[in-house]
């Protein structure tokens, strides 16, 4: 509304001053032309009657007197010696006038001088002898301009009234126009306020303006992201509940079975040992799930938790392979490291170790007996690259977009046999993203998988992370 008011009122104000100034200018121009026209008639009479040589015809005197009376002004006539030979006020006759306007008149140029502060106009007209084509004198007439000033004041009052009316109209138009223009934005505001902690089901459409259309599109995109996050949250809670409840249920069944066996008689040692082994496995599984969940929660926190230090990546990967070598040896899986260059990078050793360990361990878990896992390390001027390739079962194409989701398993039927919680790749992805890196997977079912990790050599916190660290 302020913009509309300013846009409306400023031109009106400028228009007012433009009208008044133009009126005054045009009035002065018309007055000057009228005076000059009548002065030219008199100058012709001055030459014909030989007035400049001392003759004083009554007709010419009457014309000079009438000219002064018409404009309530003063008429002065100078001869070629700049001497005043006629003053309608009879004040300065016989005196000499030396002025720039008078001098210019002797060159044949007419002149005028408007004194705004004193409200009078002075016009100079040369007296030219057409026979000799020479200027033999100058006629000066000074007239008041109070009538022009009064007319301007009257016009100013009229224009002011018109200005007030127009400003009032502009205010009304601006008020209703602004309400109409911001109406679509109110709809967006109402949509946001209507959420109140819940996610609306309906998207909004506002094709009123390009801006509102873009806002509506951005709102709908945000709404879709919130829906996805809400679905993911609900799925996560459901999966966590299921994953934590399953081992507890198994342990409860095994414990109840032992209790029932004890009621009917002595429990055989073999059965007791078998049940206790199963209970221990379920406890380990429960502990693994909780450990992974805690790791994931820690990784979900901001980069202020990163402990960045210069690390020898070659040595770090060698330690990971050394730790996992016994697990691979049990199934005859060959672990190979290909390191092309020494790599020193700024990373959080703990989190990067967790991420790479999960990748290599998955390569062992989901591999075939007597297979292989190849780990390669390379570097350029900006990034270092870790590639983990295996000869395992591979990942179906339709599952590759979901493997980094929490609790997602490609083959749920074998998940209990192989082990794991479905959180490993989610943890890996979070740890790599915290380092501002990227992870990609290339896989074909039945032909193994290749994971490629890219991480900057120099860690540079983003603006929001830097603020948190400070």
Protein backbone atom coordinates (compact mmCIF):
# COMPACT_ATOMS: atom_id res chain seq x y z
CA UNK A 1 0.00 0.00 0.00
CA UNK A 2 2.86 2.40 0.82
CA UNK A 3 4.37 1.79 -2.62
CA UNK A 4 1.04 2.42 -4.34
CA UNK A 5 0.48 5.62 -2.31
CA UNK A 6 3.96 6.93 -3.09
CA UNK A 7 3.62 6.05 -6.77
CA UNK A 8 0.27 7.85 -6.84
CA UNK A 9 1.02 10.95 -4.74
CA UNK A 10 4.48 11.85 -6.05
CA UNK A 11 3.30 12.35 -9.67
CA UNK A 12 0.31 14.39 -8.42
CA UNK A 13 2.62 16.67 -6.42
CA UNK A 14 5.03 17.04 -9.32
CA UNK A 15 2.08 17.68 -11.62
CA UNK A 16 0.88 20.48 -9.31
CA UNK A 17 4.22 22.29 -9.33
CA UNK A 18 4.54 21.70 -13.06
CA UNK A 19 1.17 23.33 -13.73
CA UNK A 20 1.89 26.38 -11.54
CA UNK A 21 5.39 26.96 -12.90
CA UNK A 22 4.20 26.51 -16.48
CA UNK A 23 1.31 28.93 -15.91
CA UNK A 24 3.64 31.60 -14.54
CA UNK A 25 6.14 31.14 -17.37
CA UNK A 26 3.48 31.28 -20.06
CA UNK A 27 1.83 34.32 -18.45
CA UNK A 28 5.13 36.22 -18.43
CA UNK A 29 5.85 35.22 -22.04
CA UNK A 30 2.41 36.44 -23.16
CA UNK A 31 2.81 39.70 -21.20
CA UNK A 32 6.23 40.33 -22.77
CA UNK A 33 4.88 39.72 -26.28
CA UNK A 34 1.93 42.05 -25.68
CA UNK A 35 4.18 44.83 -24.40
CA UNK A 36 6.66 44.43 -27.25
CA UNK A 37 3.88 44.48 -29.83
CA UNK A 38 2.57 47.77 -28.50
CA UNK A 39 6.07 49.20 -28.04
CA UNK A 40 6.88 48.50 -31.68
CA UNK A 41 3.85 50.52 -32.74
CA UNK A 42 5.01 53.42 -30.56
CA UNK A 43 8.64 53.21 -31.76
CA UNK A 44 7.40 53.61 -35.34
CA UNK A 45 5.55 56.74 -34.25
CA UNK A 46 8.68 57.98 -32.52
CA UNK A 47 10.65 57.79 -35.77
CA UNK A 48 7.89 59.24 -37.97
CA UNK A 49 7.25 62.18 -35.63
CA UNK A 50 10.96 62.89 -35.17
CA UNK A 51 10.40 62.43 -31.43
CA UNK A 52 14.03 61.37 -30.88
CA UNK A 53 15.24 64.76 -32.18
CA UNK A 54 13.18 66.79 -29.69
CA UNK A 55 9.74 66.98 -31.29
CA UNK A 56 6.88 66.22 -28.89
CA UNK A 57 3.66 65.48 -30.83
CA UNK A 58 0.59 65.16 -28.63
CA UNK A 59 -0.43 61.93 -30.33
CA UNK A 60 2.83 60.22 -29.36
CA UNK A 61 2.67 61.55 -25.80
CA UNK A 62 -0.86 60.17 -25.54
CA UNK A 63 0.25 56.76 -26.81
CA UNK A 64 3.10 56.67 -24.25
CA UNK A 65 0.73 57.72 -21.46
CA UNK A 66 -1.87 55.10 -22.47
CA UNK A 67 0.79 52.36 -22.57
CA UNK A 68 1.85 53.23 -19.02
CA UNK A 69 -1.77 53.33 -17.89
CA UNK A 70 -2.71 50.00 -19.46
CA UNK A 71 -0.03 48.12 -17.54
CA UNK A 72 0.20 50.48 -14.57
CA UNK A 73 3.86 50.81 -15.42
CA UNK A 74 6.63 53.22 -16.16
CA UNK A 75 7.81 54.10 -19.68
CA UNK A 76 11.32 55.44 -20.26
CA UNK A 77 12.81 56.48 -23.63
CA UNK A 78 16.59 56.90 -24.16
CA UNK A 79 18.30 58.52 -27.14
CA UNK A 80 21.45 57.24 -28.81
CA UNK A 81 23.57 58.96 -26.17
CA UNK A 82 21.90 56.85 -23.41
CA UNK A 83 20.19 60.01 -22.13
CA UNK A 84 16.62 59.78 -20.86
CA UNK A 85 14.45 62.03 -23.03
CA UNK A 86 11.11 60.75 -21.69
CA UNK A 87 10.05 59.40 -18.30
CA UNK A 88 6.33 58.78 -17.79
CA UNK A 89 6.95 59.29 -14.05
CA UNK A 90 8.96 62.48 -14.73
CA UNK A 91 11.64 61.37 -12.29
CA UNK A 92 14.87 60.80 -14.24
CA UNK A 93 14.61 62.87 -17.42
CA UNK A 94 18.03 64.16 -18.54
CA UNK A 95 19.91 61.39 -16.71
CA UNK A 96 22.17 58.82 -18.31
CA UNK A 97 21.47 55.09 -18.04
CA UNK A 98 24.26 52.60 -18.66
CA UNK A 99 22.99 49.02 -18.37
CA UNK A 100 23.74 45.73 -20.15
CA UNK A 101 20.15 45.41 -21.38
CA UNK A 102 20.32 48.92 -22.89
CA UNK A 103 23.68 48.25 -24.54
CA UNK A 104 22.33 45.03 -26.09
CA UNK A 105 19.37 46.97 -27.50
CA UNK A 106 21.73 49.18 -29.52
CA UNK A 107 22.88 45.99 -31.26
CA UNK A 108 19.28 45.36 -32.30
CA UNK A 109 18.49 42.74 -29.61
CA UNK A 110 15.33 42.96 -27.54
CA UNK A 111 15.44 42.01 -23.86
CA UNK A 112 13.35 41.30 -20.78
CA UNK A 113 14.07 40.81 -17.09
CA UNK A 114 11.52 39.26 -14.71
CA UNK A 115 12.07 40.06 -11.04
CA UNK A 116 10.11 37.32 -9.26
CA UNK A 117 10.82 38.54 -5.73
CA UNK A 118 9.77 42.14 -6.46
CA UNK A 119 6.87 41.26 -8.77
CA UNK A 120 7.78 43.42 -11.75
CA UNK A 121 8.78 42.88 -15.35
CA UNK A 122 11.17 45.07 -17.36
CA UNK A 123 11.08 45.01 -21.18
CA UNK A 124 13.56 46.78 -23.47
CA UNK A 125 12.78 47.50 -27.14
CA UNK A 126 15.20 49.19 -29.58
CA UNK A 127 14.01 52.29 -31.51
CA UNK A 128 15.15 51.55 -35.06
CA UNK A 129 15.25 54.04 -37.93
CA UNK A 130 14.27 51.92 -40.92
CA UNK A 131 15.62 54.48 -43.37
CA UNK A 132 19.13 54.32 -42.01
CA UNK A 133 18.66 50.89 -40.45
CA UNK A 134 20.28 52.09 -37.25
CA UNK A 135 19.20 52.06 -33.60
CA UNK A 136 18.63 55.63 -32.49
CA UNK A 137 17.25 54.92 -29.03
CA UNK A 138 15.82 52.47 -26.55
CA UNK A 139 12.35 52.21 -25.07
CA UNK A 140 12.12 50.68 -21.56
CA UNK A 141 8.85 49.77 -19.87
CA UNK A 142 8.65 48.46 -16.31
CA UNK A 143 5.31 46.89 -15.30
CA UNK A 144 4.15 45.20 -12.11
CA UNK A 145 3.21 41.51 -12.24
CA UNK A 146 1.01 41.35 -9.17
CA UNK A 147 -1.96 40.30 -11.28
CA UNK A 148 0.02 37.31 -12.58
CA UNK A 149 1.06 36.45 -9.02
CA UNK A 150 -2.56 36.73 -7.80
CA UNK A 151 -3.78 34.55 -10.65
CA UNK A 152 -1.10 32.00 -9.80
CA UNK A 153 -2.22 31.97 -6.14
CA UNK A 154 -5.83 31.43 -7.19
CA UNK A 155 -4.80 28.65 -9.54
CA UNK A 156 -2.61 27.18 -6.77
CA UNK A 157 -5.61 26.95 -4.43
CA UNK A 158 -7.70 25.28 -7.13
CA UNK A 159 -4.92 22.83 -7.91
CA UNK A 160 -4.49 22.15 -4.16
CA UNK A 161 -8.16 21.22 -3.85
CA UNK A 162 -7.78 18.96 -6.88
CA UNK A 163 -4.60 17.52 -5.36
CA UNK A 164 -6.37 16.68 -2.08
CA UNK A 165 -9.22 15.00 -3.97
CA UNK A 166 -6.78 12.99 -6.10
CA UNK A 167 -4.72 11.97 -3.04
CA UNK A 168 -7.89 10.80 -1.31
CA UNK A 169 -8.81 8.79 -4.39
CA UNK A 170 -5.27 7.35 -4.54
CA UNK A 171 -5.48 6.32 -0.87
CA UNK A 172 -8.78 4.52 -1.43
CA UNK A 173 -7.55 2.81 -4.59
CA UNK A 174 -4.25 1.88 -2.90
CA UNK A 175 -6.06 0.40 0.09
CA UNK A 176 -8.33 -1.85 -1.95
CA UNK A 177 -5.67 -2.62 -4.56
CA UNK A 178 -3.15 -3.63 -1.89
CA UNK A 179 -5.72 -5.89 -0.21
CA UNK A 180 -6.46 -7.50 -3.54
CA UNK A 181 -2.77 -7.87 -4.41
CA UNK A 182 -1.77 -9.48 -1.10
CA UNK A 183 -4.82 -11.75 -0.92
CA UNK A 184 -2.92 -14.72 -2.44
CA UNK A 185 -0.14 -14.21 0.11
CA UNK A 186 -2.68 -14.37 2.91
CA UNK A 187 -3.73 -17.73 1.54
CA UNK A 188 -0.14 -18.98 1.86
CA UNK A 189 0.10 -17.56 5.39
CA UNK A 190 -3.14 -19.28 6.35
CA UNK A 191 -1.82 -22.53 4.88
CA UNK A 192 1.34 -22.32 7.00
CA UNK A 193 -0.59 -21.38 10.12
CA UNK A 194 -3.06 -24.17 9.44
CA UNK A 195 -0.31 -26.76 9.73
CA UNK A 196 0.15 -26.25 13.50
CA UNK A 197 2.47 -29.18 13.90
CA UNK A 198 0.60 -31.40 11.44
CA UNK A 199 1.12 -31.92 7.74
CA UNK A 200 -1.70 -30.80 5.45
CA UNK A 201 -2.97 -33.32 2.94
CA UNK A 202 -3.89 -30.82 0.22
CA UNK A 203 -1.43 -28.87 -1.88
CA UNK A 204 -2.19 -25.25 -2.75
CA UNK A 205 -2.43 -23.60 -6.15
CA UNK A 206 -2.24 -19.83 -6.70
CA UNK A 207 -1.79 -18.89 -10.35
CA UNK A 208 -2.68 -15.21 -9.55
CA UNK A 209 0.87 -13.93 -10.13
CA UNK A 210 4.20 -15.38 -11.12
CA UNK A 211 5.47 -14.77 -7.57
CA UNK A 212 2.53 -16.48 -5.87
CA UNK A 213 2.77 -19.36 -8.31
CA UNK A 214 6.44 -19.79 -7.39
CA UNK A 215 5.62 -19.52 -3.68
CA UNK A 216 2.90 -22.13 -4.03
CA UNK A 217 5.27 -24.44 -5.91
CA UNK A 218 7.92 -23.99 -3.19
CA UNK A 219 5.30 -24.63 -0.50
CA UNK A 220 4.13 -27.79 -2.25
CA UNK A 221 7.73 -29.01 -2.59
CA UNK A 222 8.27 -28.38 1.12
CA UNK A 223 5.00 -30.17 1.88
CA UNK A 224 6.10 -33.19 -0.12
CA UNK A 225 9.46 -33.23 1.67
CA UNK A 226 7.68 -33.05 5.03
CA UNK A 227 5.43 -35.92 4.02
CA UNK A 228 8.42 -37.98 2.99
CA UNK A 229 10.16 -37.13 6.28
CA UNK A 230 7.03 -37.96 8.25
CA UNK A 231 6.65 -41.28 6.43
CA UNK A 232 10.33 -41.95 6.99
CA UNK A 233 10.03 -41.07 10.67
CA UNK A 234 7.02 -43.35 11.14
CA UNK A 235 8.73 -46.12 9.23
CA UNK A 236 11.89 -45.63 11.28
CA UNK A 237 9.99 -45.79 14.57
CA UNK A 238 8.13 -48.85 13.35
CA UNK A 239 11.34 -50.55 12.20
CA UNK A 240 13.16 -49.70 15.43
CA UNK A 241 10.26 -51.07 17.46
CA UNK A 242 10.16 -54.21 15.34
CA UNK A 243 13.92 -54.75 15.34
CA UNK A 244 14.21 -54.24 19.11
CA UNK A 245 11.13 -56.32 19.86
CA UNK A 246 12.09 -59.34 17.73
CA UNK A 247 15.13 -60.46 19.83
CA UNK A 248 13.18 -59.83 23.03
CA UNK A 249 10.31 -61.95 21.74
CA UNK A 250 12.71 -64.77 20.83
CA UNK A 251 14.36 -64.62 24.26
CA UNK A 252 10.91 -64.62 25.94
CA UNK A 253 9.85 -67.70 23.97
CA UNK A 254 13.09 -69.53 24.79
CA UNK A 255 12.89 -68.58 28.48
CA UNK A 256 9.22 -69.63 28.69
CA UNK A 257 10.10 -72.94 27.05
CA UNK A 258 12.80 -73.60 29.65
CA UNK A 259 10.37 -72.71 32.45
CA UNK A 260 7.72 -75.07 31.06
CA UNK A 261 10.29 -77.85 30.65
CA UNK A 262 11.38 -77.35 34.26
CA UNK A 263 7.78 -77.68 35.47
CA UNK A 264 7.26 -81.11 33.89
CA UNK A 265 10.68 -82.47 34.81
CA UNK A 266 14.40 -81.96 34.70
CA UNK A 267 15.65 -80.06 31.65
CA UNK A 268 18.25 -82.03 29.64
CA UNK A 269 21.67 -80.38 29.62
CA UNK A 270 21.82 -80.47 25.83
CA UNK A 271 18.46 -78.65 25.50
CA UNK A 272 19.37 -76.20 28.26
CA UNK A 273 22.70 -75.42 26.55
CA UNK A 274 21.04 -75.03 23.13
CA UNK A 275 18.43 -72.62 24.49
CA UNK A 276 21.03 -70.59 26.38
CA UNK A 277 23.18 -70.33 23.23
CA UNK A 278 20.13 -69.06 21.32
CA UNK A 279 19.36 -66.54 24.08
CA UNK A 280 22.97 -65.32 24.03
CA UNK A 281 22.78 -64.84 20.25
CA UNK A 282 19.57 -62.85 20.58
CA UNK A 283 21.19 -60.71 23.29
CA UNK A 284 24.15 -60.08 20.97
CA UNK A 285 21.75 -59.17 18.18
CA UNK A 286 19.86 -56.77 20.47
CA UNK A 287 23.14 -55.21 21.57
CA UNK A 288 24.23 -54.83 17.93
CA UNK A 289 21.00 -53.04 17.04
CA UNK A 290 21.31 -50.66 19.99
CA UNK A 291 24.99 -49.98 19.21
CA UNK A 292 24.19 -49.17 15.57
CA UNK A 293 21.27 -46.96 16.60
CA UNK A 294 23.50 -45.03 18.97
CA UNK A 295 26.10 -44.62 16.22
CA UNK A 296 23.44 -43.36 13.84
CA UNK A 297 22.08 -40.87 16.39
CA UNK A 298 25.57 -39.52 16.99
CA UNK A 299 26.12 -39.15 13.25
CA UNK A 300 22.83 -37.29 12.92
CA UNK A 301 24.19 -34.53 15.13
CA UNK A 302 25.88 -31.51 13.54
CA UNK A 303 29.48 -31.22 12.43
CA UNK A 304 30.50 -29.72 15.77
CA UNK A 305 30.99 -33.36 16.91
CA UNK A 306 33.63 -33.98 14.28
CA UNK A 307 37.19 -34.25 15.55
CA UNK A 308 39.14 -33.34 12.44
CA UNK A 309 42.85 -34.14 12.30
CA UNK A 310 45.40 -34.99 9.64
CA UNK A 311 45.27 -38.74 9.07
CA UNK A 312 47.25 -41.23 7.02
CA UNK A 313 44.43 -42.83 5.05
CA UNK A 314 46.65 -45.68 3.79
CA UNK A 315 47.47 -46.70 7.36
CA UNK A 316 43.84 -46.34 8.45
CA UNK A 317 42.57 -48.70 5.73
CA UNK A 318 45.35 -51.20 6.47
CA UNK A 319 44.23 -51.34 10.12
CA UNK A 320 40.61 -51.90 9.05
CA UNK A 321 41.61 -54.79 6.75
CA UNK A 322 43.81 -56.28 9.47
CA UNK A 323 40.88 -56.26 11.91
CA UNK A 324 38.47 -57.80 9.38
CA UNK A 325 40.93 -60.35 8.01
CA UNK A 326 39.94 -63.13 10.50
CA UNK A 327 36.27 -62.79 9.51
CA UNK A 328 37.16 -63.05 5.80
CA UNK A 329 39.53 -65.99 6.37
CA UNK A 330 36.74 -68.14 7.88
CA UNK A 331 35.02 -68.14 4.47
CA UNK A 332 38.16 -68.10 2.34
CA UNK A 333 37.51 -64.54 1.12
CA UNK A 334 40.57 -62.72 -0.16
CA UNK A 335 41.11 -59.12 1.03
CA UNK A 336 43.27 -57.03 -1.33
CA UNK A 337 44.39 -53.40 -0.91
CA UNK A 338 45.59 -51.38 -3.89
CA UNK A 339 47.16 -48.08 -2.83
CA UNK A 340 48.47 -45.89 -5.64
CA UNK A 341 49.79 -42.93 -3.65
CA UNK A 342 50.29 -41.94 0.00
CA UNK A 343 47.24 -39.99 1.15
CA UNK A 344 47.13 -37.52 4.05
CA UNK A 345 43.69 -35.97 4.64
CA UNK A 346 41.80 -33.99 7.27
CA UNK A 347 39.15 -36.40 8.62
CA UNK A 348 37.52 -37.68 11.79
CA UNK A 349 39.34 -41.01 12.19
CA UNK A 350 36.62 -42.67 14.27
CA UNK A 351 33.73 -41.83 11.97
CA UNK A 352 35.63 -42.56 8.75
CA UNK A 353 36.81 -45.88 10.18
CA UNK A 354 33.21 -46.76 11.03
CA UNK A 355 32.05 -45.88 7.49
CA UNK A 356 34.79 -47.82 5.64
CA UNK A 357 34.54 -50.78 8.06
CA UNK A 358 30.83 -51.11 7.27
CA UNK A 359 31.50 -51.10 3.52
CA UNK A 360 34.27 -53.70 3.70
CA UNK A 361 32.39 -55.85 6.23
CA UNK A 362 29.31 -55.82 3.99
CA UNK A 363 31.53 -56.93 1.12
CA UNK A 364 32.53 -59.93 3.27
CA UNK A 365 29.04 -60.70 4.64
CA UNK A 366 27.20 -60.61 1.34
CA UNK A 367 29.92 -62.48 -0.57
CA UNK A 368 30.20 -66.06 -1.70
CA UNK A 369 32.70 -68.47 -0.13
CA UNK A 370 36.23 -68.22 -1.53
CA UNK A 371 35.36 -64.85 -3.10
CA UNK A 372 37.28 -61.59 -2.95
CA UNK A 373 37.02 -58.01 -1.74
CA UNK A 374 39.27 -55.45 -3.42
CA UNK A 375 39.88 -52.09 -1.75
CA UNK A 376 41.64 -49.35 -3.73
CA UNK A 377 42.82 -45.91 -2.65
CA UNK A 378 43.61 -43.03 -5.02
CA UNK A 379 43.96 -39.27 -4.80
CA UNK A 380 43.99 -36.08 -6.90
CA UNK A 381 44.58 -32.44 -5.98
CA UNK A 382 41.27 -32.05 -4.16
CA UNK A 383 39.81 -35.42 -3.18
CA UNK A 384 40.82 -38.91 -2.18
CA UNK A 385 38.85 -41.91 -3.43
CA UNK A 386 38.19 -45.27 -1.76
CA UNK A 387 36.67 -48.05 -3.86
CA UNK A 388 35.35 -51.27 -2.29
CA UNK A 389 34.53 -53.98 -4.85
CA UNK A 390 33.37 -57.53 -4.09
CA UNK A 391 32.42 -60.73 -5.89
CA UNK A 392 29.22 -61.14 -3.90
CA UNK A 393 25.54 -61.55 -4.67
CA UNK A 394 25.10 -58.01 -6.00
CA UNK A 395 22.22 -55.62 -5.49
CA UNK A 396 19.05 -55.58 -7.66
CA UNK A 397 18.69 -52.37 -9.67
CA UNK A 398 15.36 -51.47 -8.06
CA UNK A 399 16.92 -51.70 -4.58
CA UNK A 400 19.98 -49.52 -5.24
CA UNK A 401 18.12 -46.28 -4.54
CA UNK A 402 17.10 -47.52 -1.08
CA UNK A 403 20.16 -49.27 0.33
CA UNK A 404 21.24 -46.18 2.28
CA UNK A 405 17.87 -45.99 4.08
CA UNK A 406 17.68 -47.07 7.69
CA UNK A 407 16.71 -50.71 8.32
CA UNK A 408 16.46 -51.39 4.60
CA UNK A 409 17.52 -54.90 3.62
CA UNK A 410 17.78 -56.15 0.07
CA UNK A 411 17.00 -59.78 0.97
CA UNK A 412 14.95 -59.93 4.17
CA UNK A 413 14.68 -63.71 3.99
CA UNK A 414 18.44 -64.13 4.57
CA UNK A 415 18.92 -61.22 6.95
CA UNK A 416 18.89 -63.38 10.06
CA UNK A 417 21.33 -65.89 8.59
CA UNK A 418 23.80 -63.22 7.48
CA UNK A 419 23.28 -60.93 10.46
CA UNK A 420 23.30 -57.15 10.60
CA UNK A 421 20.71 -54.56 11.50
CA UNK A 422 20.04 -52.78 8.23
CA UNK A 423 21.74 -49.66 9.59
CA UNK A 424 25.30 -50.14 8.32
CA UNK A 425 24.99 -48.29 5.01
CA UNK A 426 22.88 -45.55 6.63
CA UNK A 427 25.71 -45.02 9.13
CA UNK A 428 28.27 -45.06 6.31
CA UNK A 429 26.34 -42.51 4.25
CA UNK A 430 25.90 -40.15 7.24
CA UNK A 431 29.60 -40.31 8.17
CA UNK A 432 30.69 -39.57 4.60
CA UNK A 433 28.24 -36.69 4.20
CA UNK A 434 29.54 -35.17 7.44
CA UNK A 435 32.93 -35.00 5.72
CA UNK A 436 31.23 -33.26 2.74
CA UNK A 437 31.93 -36.34 0.67
CA UNK A 438 29.84 -38.53 -1.62
CA UNK A 439 29.19 -42.24 -2.03
CA UNK A 440 28.04 -44.11 -5.15
CA UNK A 441 27.16 -47.73 -5.80
CA UNK A 442 27.53 -49.72 -9.02
CA UNK A 443 26.11 -53.21 -8.89
CA UNK A 444 24.54 -55.98 -10.92
CA UNK A 445 22.66 -58.84 -9.34
CA UNK A 446 24.80 -61.97 -9.16
CA UNK A 447 27.98 -60.15 -10.26
CA UNK A 448 29.02 -58.27 -7.13
CA UNK A 449 28.99 -54.64 -6.07
CA UNK A 450 31.34 -51.65 -6.19
CA UNK A 451 31.07 -48.75 -3.74
CA UNK A 452 33.01 -45.56 -4.50
CA UNK A 453 33.65 -42.97 -1.79
CA UNK A 454 34.95 -39.46 -2.52
CA UNK A 455 36.08 -37.18 0.36
CA UNK A 456 37.88 -33.77 0.26
CA UNK A 457 41.50 -33.76 1.38
CA UNK A 458 40.91 -30.49 3.27
CA UNK A 459 37.89 -30.23 5.54
CA UNK A 460 36.14 -26.86 5.19
CA UNK A 461 33.13 -26.37 7.50
CA UNK A 462 30.10 -24.72 5.96
CA UNK A 463 28.77 -21.44 7.38
CA UNK A 464 26.14 -23.02 9.63
CA UNK A 465 28.63 -25.62 10.87
CA UNK A 466 31.23 -22.96 11.60
CA UNK A 467 28.70 -21.06 13.72
CA UNK A 468 27.94 -24.23 15.70
CA UNK A 469 31.63 -24.96 16.23
CA UNK A 470 32.22 -21.40 17.49
